[in-house]
């Protein structure tokens, strides 16, 4: 008998990037868990599912079973905080950080609740960590067929050079992480994604979209971005615009900061500080400013209509930049969701 109901719960849901992608694939999302209260409005407004403000370490099997639709195929999804495994932390001992064991808590809930399907997304470096190997072993010991690989965002339609580790596990049968269908030459570009937005100046905001606002540049940084070309580096600047760190040998190789994006290729990886000209290649390709929060969200794969702040609410760069930069790209999640739907349909027909 063909499966009629599929119900998902999203652990570490954030503003809903993973849930949005699953929903776009046709999966009903029952609830999302996160400890950040700033996620409640965007999650409930855009996903239309219950937001539970709770530490995953206190979540129980009983809670999950009450939230999943009765007699449904149960999907447990999540992206445990990736900061301890980020490439930006390379060389640092992060094993004592509070976020380190959270993937283990995900594994605990899999063991206790035994969902039919599990999906997990994180940074590619996690694959070599003992905590990830333990997670895979937990799934296999519980009878799951497991597949995982590094997924390159542009191959899934993401207008951003981002790689993410994606895992799928199923108790129903063999399952595979899907490959993207886009290829070089047909990738979605920065131009495709954001060229239609209203032009704004440094420090300005679009009257029709409070998230389309750019951080005000200092006088020196305004001169620097005017001297920058798309795809170039600070080596293009006159010597008097270069900072002391650029003059030192140790700073000579850091070329992807204080730089403009290129129109006709995917953007660099969108970080939590993507609104800041000085922290990466986050200068707009043609306007003399850093990209806006809305542009960062679109490059992260969110639709332009995605709501992050309730009407009349305060739009702040730091918290919103963090929520956008930490989100799961919805277009990758949609591809994963479609693979789950195909897997379950094929399994149900056997």
Protein backbone atom coordinates (compact mmCIF):
# COMPACT_ATOMS: atom_id res chain seq x y z
CA UNK A 1 0.00 0.00 0.00
CA UNK A 2 1.39 3.40 -0.96
CA UNK A 3 2.44 5.55 2.00
CA UNK A 4 -0.01 8.42 2.50
CA UNK A 5 1.39 10.35 5.45
CA UNK A 6 4.92 11.49 6.23
CA UNK A 7 5.49 13.58 9.36
CA UNK A 8 8.77 15.36 10.19
CA UNK A 9 10.29 16.92 13.31
CA UNK A 10 13.25 19.29 12.96
CA UNK A 11 15.77 19.39 15.81
CA UNK A 12 17.99 22.53 16.02
CA UNK A 13 15.50 24.09 13.58
CA UNK A 14 16.72 27.69 13.65
CA UNK A 15 14.66 29.94 11.37
CA UNK A 16 13.47 26.94 9.37
CA UNK A 17 15.84 26.43 6.43
CA UNK A 18 15.74 22.63 6.69
CA UNK A 19 12.01 22.55 7.43
CA UNK A 20 11.26 24.88 4.52
CA UNK A 21 13.13 22.62 2.10
CA UNK A 22 11.36 19.51 3.39
CA UNK A 23 8.02 21.24 3.10
CA UNK A 24 8.81 22.31 -0.48
CA UNK A 25 9.43 18.63 -1.22
CA UNK A 26 5.93 17.79 0.00
CA UNK A 27 6.74 16.63 3.53
CA UNK A 28 4.50 17.74 6.39
CA UNK A 29 6.57 19.31 9.16
CA UNK A 30 4.97 18.83 12.58
CA UNK A 31 7.35 20.84 14.79
CA UNK A 32 10.78 22.35 15.24
CA UNK A 33 12.96 22.52 18.37
CA UNK A 34 15.50 25.26 19.14
CA UNK A 35 16.78 27.14 22.18
CA UNK A 36 16.82 30.57 20.51
CA UNK A 37 13.56 32.50 21.06
CA UNK A 38 14.36 34.71 18.04
CA UNK A 39 13.59 31.69 15.85
CA UNK A 40 9.96 31.40 16.94
CA UNK A 41 8.44 34.07 14.69
CA UNK A 42 10.22 33.11 11.45
CA UNK A 43 9.72 29.40 12.08
CA UNK A 44 6.03 29.46 12.90
CA UNK A 45 5.24 32.16 10.31
CA UNK A 46 7.02 30.59 7.34
CA UNK A 47 6.73 26.89 8.17
CA UNK A 48 3.29 26.91 9.75
CA UNK A 49 4.42 24.37 12.35
CA UNK A 50 4.81 24.44 16.12
CA UNK A 51 8.03 25.92 17.49
CA UNK A 52 9.25 24.38 20.75
CA UNK A 53 11.80 26.46 22.65
CA UNK A 54 13.72 23.71 24.39
CA UNK A 55 17.24 22.33 24.76
CA UNK A 56 17.51 19.06 22.80
CA UNK A 57 19.21 17.48 25.80
CA UNK A 58 15.87 17.57 27.64
CA UNK A 59 13.70 16.36 24.74
CA UNK A 60 12.09 12.95 25.27
CA UNK A 61 10.70 10.17 23.13
CA UNK A 62 7.26 10.88 24.59
CA UNK A 63 7.36 14.46 23.33
CA UNK A 64 8.34 13.42 19.83
CA UNK A 65 5.68 10.71 19.62
CA UNK A 66 3.01 13.24 20.60
CA UNK A 67 4.12 15.63 17.87
CA UNK A 68 4.44 13.21 14.97
CA UNK A 69 1.15 12.59 13.19
CA UNK A 70 -0.38 9.31 14.44
CA UNK A 71 0.24 6.26 12.24
CA UNK A 72 2.52 8.27 9.96
CA UNK A 73 5.95 7.53 8.55
CA UNK A 74 8.14 9.43 11.02
CA UNK A 75 11.11 11.55 9.91
CA UNK A 76 13.59 13.05 12.39
CA UNK A 77 15.76 15.79 10.91
CA UNK A 78 18.32 18.19 12.25
CA UNK A 79 21.52 20.19 11.97
CA UNK A 80 23.39 20.14 15.27
CA UNK A 81 25.35 23.39 15.84
CA UNK A 82 28.45 23.14 13.68
CA UNK A 83 30.72 25.78 15.27
CA UNK A 84 33.05 23.25 16.97
CA UNK A 85 33.68 21.60 13.57
CA UNK A 86 33.83 24.69 11.35
CA UNK A 87 36.86 25.22 9.12
CA UNK A 88 37.17 28.65 10.74
CA UNK A 89 38.09 26.87 14.00
CA UNK A 90 40.80 24.71 12.48
CA UNK A 91 43.72 24.16 14.85
CA UNK A 92 41.69 24.95 17.99
CA UNK A 93 40.70 22.37 20.59
CA UNK A 94 36.90 22.62 20.66
CA UNK A 95 36.23 19.29 22.40
CA UNK A 96 35.23 20.93 25.70
CA UNK A 97 32.66 23.28 24.14
CA UNK A 98 29.03 22.87 25.20
CA UNK A 99 27.86 22.26 21.61
CA UNK A 100 30.22 19.30 21.04
CA UNK A 101 27.97 16.47 22.37
CA UNK A 102 24.71 17.68 20.75
CA UNK A 103 25.00 15.28 17.82
CA UNK A 104 25.12 12.54 20.45
CA UNK A 105 21.79 13.81 21.79
CA UNK A 106 20.38 13.49 18.27
CA UNK A 107 21.60 9.88 18.31
CA UNK A 108 19.98 9.29 21.69
CA UNK A 109 16.60 10.40 20.35
CA UNK A 110 17.00 8.15 17.31
CA UNK A 111 17.67 5.19 19.62
CA UNK A 112 14.69 5.99 21.84
CA UNK A 113 12.06 7.07 19.29
CA UNK A 114 13.12 4.92 16.29
CA UNK A 115 11.86 7.19 13.50
CA UNK A 116 11.54 5.48 10.12
CA UNK A 117 13.88 7.98 8.41
CA UNK A 118 16.65 10.23 9.72
CA UNK A 119 18.44 13.10 7.98
CA UNK A 120 21.30 15.19 9.33
CA UNK A 121 23.19 18.14 7.82
CA UNK A 122 26.45 19.71 9.00
CA UNK A 123 29.87 20.98 7.91
CA UNK A 124 31.98 18.53 5.83
CA UNK A 125 34.79 18.43 8.42
CA UNK A 126 32.46 16.63 10.81
CA UNK A 127 32.92 13.41 8.81
CA UNK A 128 36.34 12.81 10.37
CA UNK A 129 35.21 13.48 13.96
CA UNK A 130 34.67 10.65 16.40
CA UNK A 131 31.27 12.04 17.37
CA UNK A 132 30.06 11.60 13.77
CA UNK A 133 31.42 8.07 13.52
CA UNK A 134 29.63 7.25 16.77
CA UNK A 135 26.41 8.72 15.33
CA UNK A 136 26.65 6.55 12.20
CA UNK A 137 27.39 3.48 14.32
CA UNK A 138 24.34 4.23 16.49
CA UNK A 139 22.11 4.36 13.42
CA UNK A 140 23.53 1.16 11.97
CA UNK A 141 23.15 -0.66 15.30
CA UNK A 142 19.49 0.41 15.31
CA UNK A 143 18.91 -1.17 11.88
CA UNK A 144 19.24 1.87 9.63
CA UNK A 145 20.70 1.81 6.14
CA UNK A 146 22.97 4.89 6.12
CA UNK A 147 24.30 7.09 3.31
CA UNK A 148 26.27 10.32 3.61
CA UNK A 149 28.38 12.61 1.46
CA UNK A 150 29.55 16.19 0.96
CA UNK A 151 27.05 18.11 -1.16
CA UNK A 152 28.15 21.11 -3.26
CA UNK A 153 25.48 23.80 -3.08
CA UNK A 154 25.54 25.07 -6.70
CA UNK A 155 24.75 21.54 -7.93
CA UNK A 156 21.43 21.81 -6.07
CA UNK A 157 20.58 25.29 -7.36
CA UNK A 158 22.13 27.24 -4.49
CA UNK A 159 23.70 30.53 -5.69
CA UNK A 160 26.59 30.05 -3.28
CA UNK A 161 29.88 28.13 -3.17
CA UNK A 162 28.96 26.13 -0.07
CA UNK A 163 29.58 22.51 0.83
CA UNK A 164 27.54 20.64 3.43
CA UNK A 165 27.70 17.11 4.79
CA UNK A 166 24.32 15.41 4.36
CA UNK A 167 23.33 12.07 5.91
CA UNK A 168 20.25 9.95 5.28
CA UNK A 169 19.26 6.86 7.22
CA UNK A 170 16.27 4.57 6.77
CA UNK A 171 14.83 1.55 8.61
CA UNK A 172 12.67 0.82 5.55
CA UNK A 173 15.43 0.01 3.07
CA UNK A 174 18.46 1.31 1.21
CA UNK A 175 18.55 5.07 0.77
CA UNK A 176 21.02 7.39 -0.94
CA UNK A 177 21.86 11.07 -0.49
CA UNK A 178 20.83 12.63 -3.83
CA UNK A 179 23.22 14.22 -6.28
CA UNK A 180 22.45 17.70 -7.53
CA UNK A 181 21.28 18.17 -11.11
CA UNK A 182 23.01 21.49 -11.91
CA UNK A 183 26.45 21.54 -13.54
CA UNK A 184 29.16 24.16 -14.08
CA UNK A 185 27.99 26.59 -16.74
CA UNK A 186 24.42 26.28 -15.52
CA UNK A 187 24.88 27.20 -11.86
CA UNK A 188 22.60 29.85 -10.35
CA UNK A 189 24.65 33.04 -10.05
CA UNK A 190 24.66 36.11 -7.86
CA UNK A 191 23.09 38.00 -10.78
CA UNK A 192 20.29 35.44 -11.08
CA UNK A 193 19.62 35.66 -7.35
CA UNK A 194 19.77 39.32 -6.35
CA UNK A 195 20.04 41.61 -9.39
CA UNK A 196 16.30 42.34 -9.29
CA UNK A 197 16.36 43.89 -5.82
CA UNK A 198 15.95 47.64 -5.36
CA UNK A 199 19.32 49.48 -5.41
CA UNK A 200 20.26 50.97 -2.03
CA UNK A 201 23.20 52.97 -0.72
CA UNK A 202 25.55 52.15 2.14
CA UNK A 203 23.57 52.44 5.38
CA UNK A 204 20.19 52.62 3.61
CA UNK A 205 17.10 50.41 3.79
CA UNK A 206 14.49 49.59 1.15
CA UNK A 207 11.21 51.21 2.21
CA UNK A 208 9.29 48.11 1.09
CA UNK A 209 11.53 45.51 2.74
CA UNK A 210 13.13 46.23 6.13
CA UNK A 211 15.50 43.26 5.70
CA UNK A 212 16.94 44.78 2.53
CA UNK A 213 19.27 47.10 4.41
CA UNK A 214 23.03 47.49 4.27
CA UNK A 215 25.43 48.30 7.04
CA UNK A 216 26.90 51.79 6.82
CA UNK A 217 30.51 51.82 5.65
CA UNK A 218 33.14 54.00 7.26
CA UNK A 219 34.73 56.65 5.06
CA UNK A 220 37.87 54.53 4.55
CA UNK A 221 35.86 51.43 3.66
CA UNK A 222 33.72 53.41 1.24
CA UNK A 223 36.92 54.45 -0.55
CA UNK A 224 38.12 50.84 -0.48
CA UNK A 225 34.98 49.38 -2.03
CA UNK A 226 35.01 52.07 -4.72
CA UNK A 227 38.53 50.94 -5.56
CA UNK A 228 37.48 47.27 -5.66
CA UNK A 229 36.44 45.34 -8.74
CA UNK A 230 34.14 42.27 -8.83
CA UNK A 231 36.20 39.18 -8.18
CA UNK A 232 39.27 41.25 -7.33
CA UNK A 233 41.23 41.69 -4.11
CA UNK A 234 42.64 44.49 -1.98
CA UNK A 235 45.74 44.28 -4.19
CA UNK A 236 43.71 46.40 -6.63
CA UNK A 237 43.68 49.31 -4.16
CA UNK A 238 46.11 52.22 -4.06
CA UNK A 239 48.71 51.60 -1.34
CA UNK A 240 47.32 54.34 0.90
CA UNK A 241 44.03 52.40 1.30
CA UNK A 242 45.70 49.24 2.53
CA UNK A 243 45.65 48.51 6.24
CA UNK A 244 48.66 47.55 8.33
CA UNK A 245 47.65 43.87 8.30
CA UNK A 246 47.70 43.90 4.49
CA UNK A 247 51.25 45.25 4.52
CA UNK A 248 52.55 42.45 6.75
CA UNK A 249 53.73 39.19 5.20
CA UNK A 250 51.29 37.27 7.42
CA UNK A 251 48.35 39.11 5.88
CA UNK A 252 49.41 38.98 2.25
CA UNK A 253 47.56 35.72 1.54
CA UNK A 254 44.19 36.84 2.97
CA UNK A 255 42.71 37.96 -0.32
CA UNK A 256 39.05 37.08 0.19
CA UNK A 257 38.31 39.90 2.62
CA UNK A 258 37.39 43.49 1.76
CA UNK A 259 36.34 42.27 -1.68
CA UNK A 260 33.40 42.40 -4.08
CA UNK A 261 31.42 39.38 -5.26
CA UNK A 262 31.30 38.54 -8.96
CA UNK A 263 27.95 38.86 -10.72
CA UNK A 264 28.22 35.80 -12.93
CA UNK A 265 29.15 33.02 -10.53
CA UNK A 266 27.77 31.76 -7.21
CA UNK A 267 28.62 33.82 -4.14
CA UNK A 268 31.20 32.83 -1.53
CA UNK A 269 29.95 30.95 1.53
CA UNK A 270 27.48 33.11 3.43
CA UNK A 271 28.66 33.38 7.03
CA UNK A 272 27.08 34.91 10.12
CA UNK A 273 28.93 38.16 9.27
CA UNK A 274 28.02 38.33 5.58
CA UNK A 275 26.64 41.85 6.02
CA UNK A 276 30.15 43.10 6.88
CA UNK A 277 32.40 44.19 4.00
CA UNK A 278 35.59 43.47 5.94
CA UNK A 279 34.90 39.84 6.91
CA UNK A 280 34.85 38.23 3.47
CA UNK A 281 34.01 38.74 -0.20
CA UNK A 282 30.77 40.38 0.82
CA UNK A 283 30.91 43.60 -1.19
CA UNK A 284 28.02 44.02 -3.64
CA UNK A 285 29.18 43.43 -7.23
CA UNK A 286 28.27 46.92 -8.45
CA UNK A 287 26.80 49.02 -5.61
CA UNK A 288 29.22 50.63 -3.14
CA UNK A 289 28.18 48.69 -0.05
CA UNK A 290 28.17 45.29 1.59
CA UNK A 291 25.32 42.95 0.72
CA UNK A 292 22.11 43.46 2.65
CA UNK A 293 20.54 40.99 5.07
CA UNK A 294 17.91 40.15 2.45
CA UNK A 295 20.57 39.49 -0.16
CA UNK A 296 22.44 37.24 2.28
CA UNK A 297 19.22 35.29 2.93
CA UNK A 298 18.49 34.88 -0.80
CA UNK A 299 22.05 33.71 -1.46
CA UNK A 300 21.54 31.24 1.41
CA UNK A 301 18.62 29.82 -0.57
CA UNK A 302 15.63 31.46 1.13
CA UNK A 303 12.85 32.92 -1.04
CA UNK A 304 12.73 36.73 -1.17
CA UNK A 305 9.38 36.64 0.67
CA UNK A 306 10.73 34.77 3.72
CA UNK A 307 9.86 36.66 6.90
CA UNK A 308 12.48 36.89 9.64
CA UNK A 309 11.07 39.72 11.80
CA UNK A 310 7.48 40.41 12.74
CA UNK A 311 5.93 43.61 11.31
CA UNK A 312 7.27 46.64 13.13
CA UNK A 313 9.98 44.56 14.80
CA UNK A 314 13.57 45.72 15.12
CA UNK A 315 15.95 44.61 12.36
CA UNK A 316 19.40 44.05 13.89
CA UNK A 317 22.44 43.01 11.87
CA UNK A 318 24.21 40.79 14.38
CA UNK A 319 21.36 38.45 15.48
CA UNK A 320 19.81 38.23 12.01
CA UNK A 321 23.18 37.70 10.35
CA UNK A 322 23.77 34.83 12.75
CA UNK A 323 20.38 33.23 12.07
CA UNK A 324 20.80 33.52 8.30
CA UNK A 325 24.42 32.36 8.23
CA UNK A 326 23.71 29.34 10.45
CA UNK A 327 20.66 28.19 8.49
CA UNK A 328 20.48 25.04 6.39
CA UNK A 329 20.17 26.10 2.72
CA UNK A 330 16.54 25.26 1.85
CA UNK A 331 17.33 24.18 -1.71
CA UNK A 332 19.67 21.43 -0.48
CA UNK A 333 17.04 20.37 2.05
CA UNK A 334 14.44 20.23 -0.72
CA UNK A 335 16.63 17.84 -2.70
CA UNK A 336 17.00 15.65 0.38
CA UNK A 337 13.25 15.75 0.98
CA UNK A 338 12.53 14.72 -2.60
CA UNK A 339 14.93 11.78 -2.21
CA UNK A 340 13.05 10.71 0.92
CA UNK A 341 9.72 10.91 -0.89
CA UNK A 342 11.06 8.83 -3.78
CA UNK A 343 12.57 6.31 -1.38
CA UNK A 344 9.34 5.86 0.55
CA UNK A 345 7.20 5.59 -2.57
CA UNK A 346 9.50 2.95 -4.05
CA UNK A 347 9.68 1.10 -0.74
CA UNK A 348 5.91 1.11 -0.37
CA UNK A 349 5.47 -0.43 -3.82
CA UNK A 350 7.70 -3.45 -3.03
